[in-house]
Structure formats: structure tokens, C-alpha cells
Amino acid sequence: MRLYLLPLILVVCGTALSALAEMSVPMARQEFVAQIDFDALHNQANTALEQLRQSQDRRMTSESVATF
């Protein structure tokens, strides 16, 4: 085998391995997405929204008391 082909073969193999590694990353992301607990996220969002509403109600109450 010619010595000048060795760098070319190394570059081709490195590119192929890099492409294979990048192809496996989306699969891992898909598995992670499947593990998300949407019920827990929904409950957290509802709790945060309720706290925001209560905060707004308290602020409006304190402003109305201050104006009288």
C-alpha cells in the first residue's frame, strides 16, 4: 500500500466515525424526551399560575387600600 494513501484513509475513517456519532445523538435526545413527566410539569405550571394570581390579587388589594 502506498504511504501517501494512509492520511486519506485516516481522514475518511474519522469523518465516517464522526458522522455515526452525530447520528446517535438525536436518538438519545428522543429517549430523553420520552422520559419527561408531563403530569408533573402540568402540576408545576398550575401551581405557579395560582401563585401568580394570588400575588396579583394581593397587590391589587394593597393598592386599593392605599388609595382610600
C-alpha atoms as a PDB file:
ATOM      1  CA  MET A   1       0.000   0.000   0.000  1.00  0.00           C
ATOM      2  CA  ARG A   2       1.287   3.422  -0.810  1.00  0.00           C
ATOM      3  CA  LEU A   3       2.262   5.597   2.127  1.00  0.00           C
ATOM      4  CA  TYR A   4       0.502   8.657   0.699  1.00  0.00           C
ATOM      5  CA  LEU A   5      -2.886   6.889   0.951  1.00  0.00           C
ATOM      6  CA  LEU A   6      -2.641   6.491   4.724  1.00  0.00           C
ATOM      7  CA  PRO A   7      -3.598  10.117   5.608  1.00  0.00           C
ATOM      8  CA  LEU A   8      -6.508   9.926   3.164  1.00  0.00           C
ATOM      9  CA  ILE A   9      -7.775   6.699   4.713  1.00  0.00           C
ATOM     10  CA  LEU A  10      -7.458   8.190   8.214  1.00  0.00           C
ATOM     11  CA  VAL A  11      -9.446  11.272   7.189  1.00  0.00           C
ATOM     12  CA  VAL A  12     -12.193   9.170   5.594  1.00  0.00           C
ATOM     13  CA  CYS A  13     -12.449   6.890   8.641  1.00  0.00           C
ATOM     14  CA  GLY A  14     -12.504   9.866  11.015  1.00  0.00           C
ATOM     15  CA  THR A  15     -15.262  11.528   9.009  1.00  0.00           C
ATOM     16  CA  ALA A  16     -17.311   8.334   8.979  1.00  0.00           C
ATOM     17  CA  LEU A  17     -16.933   7.867  12.732  1.00  0.00           C
ATOM     18  CA  SER A  18     -17.867  11.483  13.359  1.00  0.00           C
ATOM     19  CA  ALA A  19     -20.987  11.126  11.214  1.00  0.00           C
ATOM     20  CA  LEU A  20     -22.009   7.982  13.082  1.00  0.00           C
ATOM     21  CA  ALA A  21     -21.555   9.708  16.437  1.00  0.00           C
ATOM     22  CA  GLU A  22     -23.746  12.623  15.358  1.00  0.00           C
ATOM     23  CA  MET A  23     -26.458  10.266  14.117  1.00  0.00           C
ATOM     24  CA  SER A  24     -26.689   8.579  17.521  1.00  0.00           C
ATOM     25  CA  VAL A  25     -27.181  11.875  19.402  1.00  0.00           C
ATOM     26  CA  PRO A  26     -30.762  12.526  18.206  1.00  0.00           C
ATOM     27  CA  MET A  27     -31.730   9.011  19.282  1.00  0.00           C
ATOM     28  CA  ALA A  28     -30.533   9.773  22.800  1.00  0.00           C
ATOM     29  CA  ARG A  29     -32.472  13.047  22.786  1.00  0.00           C
ATOM     30  CA  GLN A  30     -35.628  11.240  21.694  1.00  0.00           C
ATOM     31  CA  GLU A  31     -35.277   8.795  24.576  1.00  0.00           C
ATOM     32  CA  PHE A  32     -34.865  11.717  26.978  1.00  0.00           C
ATOM     33  CA  VAL A  33     -37.969  13.428  25.615  1.00  0.00           C
ATOM     34  CA  ALA A  34     -39.956  10.257  26.134  1.00  0.00           C
ATOM     35  CA  GLN A  35     -38.989  10.256  29.813  1.00  0.00           C
ATOM     36  CA  ILE A  36     -40.442  13.702  30.573  1.00  0.00           C
ATOM     37  CA  ASP A  37     -43.278  13.511  33.093  1.00  0.00           C
ATOM     38  CA  PHE A  38     -45.897  15.786  31.571  1.00  0.00           C
ATOM     39  CA  ASP A  39     -48.281  15.369  34.509  1.00  0.00           C
ATOM     40  CA  ALA A  40     -45.649  16.726  36.888  1.00  0.00           C
ATOM     41  CA  LEU A  41     -44.927  19.634  34.538  1.00  0.00           C
ATOM     42  CA  HIS A  42     -48.640  20.383  34.284  1.00  0.00           C
ATOM     43  CA  ASN A  43     -48.991  20.389  38.075  1.00  0.00           C
ATOM     44  CA  GLN A  44     -45.980  22.679  38.447  1.00  0.00           C
ATOM     45  CA  ALA A  45     -47.386  25.066  35.861  1.00  0.00           C
ATOM     46  CA  ASN A  46     -50.771  25.134  37.597  1.00  0.00           C
ATOM     47  CA  THR A  47     -49.124  25.813  40.961  1.00  0.00           C
ATOM     48  CA  ALA A  48     -47.028  28.636  39.512  1.00  0.00           C
ATOM     49  CA  LEU A  49     -50.078  30.147  37.807  1.00  0.00           C
ATOM     50  CA  GLU A  50     -52.100  30.021  41.017  1.00  0.00           C
ATOM     51  CA  GLN A  51     -49.269  31.693  42.943  1.00  0.00           C
ATOM     52  CA  LEU A  52     -49.066  34.385  40.276  1.00  0.00           C
ATOM     53  CA  ARG A  53     -52.811  35.023  40.519  1.00  0.00           C
ATOM     54  CA  GLN A  54     -52.647  35.221  44.319  1.00  0.00           C
ATOM     55  CA  SER A  55     -49.728  37.623  44.114  1.00  0.00           C
ATOM     56  CA  GLN A  56     -51.622  39.803  41.665  1.00  0.00           C
ATOM     57  CA  ASP A  57     -54.727  39.740  43.878  1.00  0.00           C
ATOM     58  CA  ARG A  58     -52.677  40.752  46.947  1.00  0.00           C
ATOM     59  CA  ARG A  59     -51.014  43.548  45.002  1.00  0.00           C
ATOM     60  CA  MET A  60     -54.332  44.881  43.735  1.00  0.00           C
ATOM     61  CA  THR A  61     -55.820  44.673  47.226  1.00  0.00           C
ATOM     62  CA  SER A  62     -52.918  46.559  48.769  1.00  0.00           C
ATOM     63  CA  GLU A  63     -53.118  49.222  46.050  1.00  0.00           C
ATOM     64  CA  SER A  64     -56.858  49.690  46.543  1.00  0.00           C
ATOM     65  CA  VAL A  65     -56.402  50.004  50.324  1.00  0.00           C
ATOM     66  CA  ALA A  66     -53.628  52.557  49.831  1.00  0.00           C
ATOM     67  CA  THR A  67     -55.795  54.767  47.569  1.00  0.00           C
ATOM     68  CA  PHE A  68     -58.659  55.057  50.076  1.00  0.00           C
END
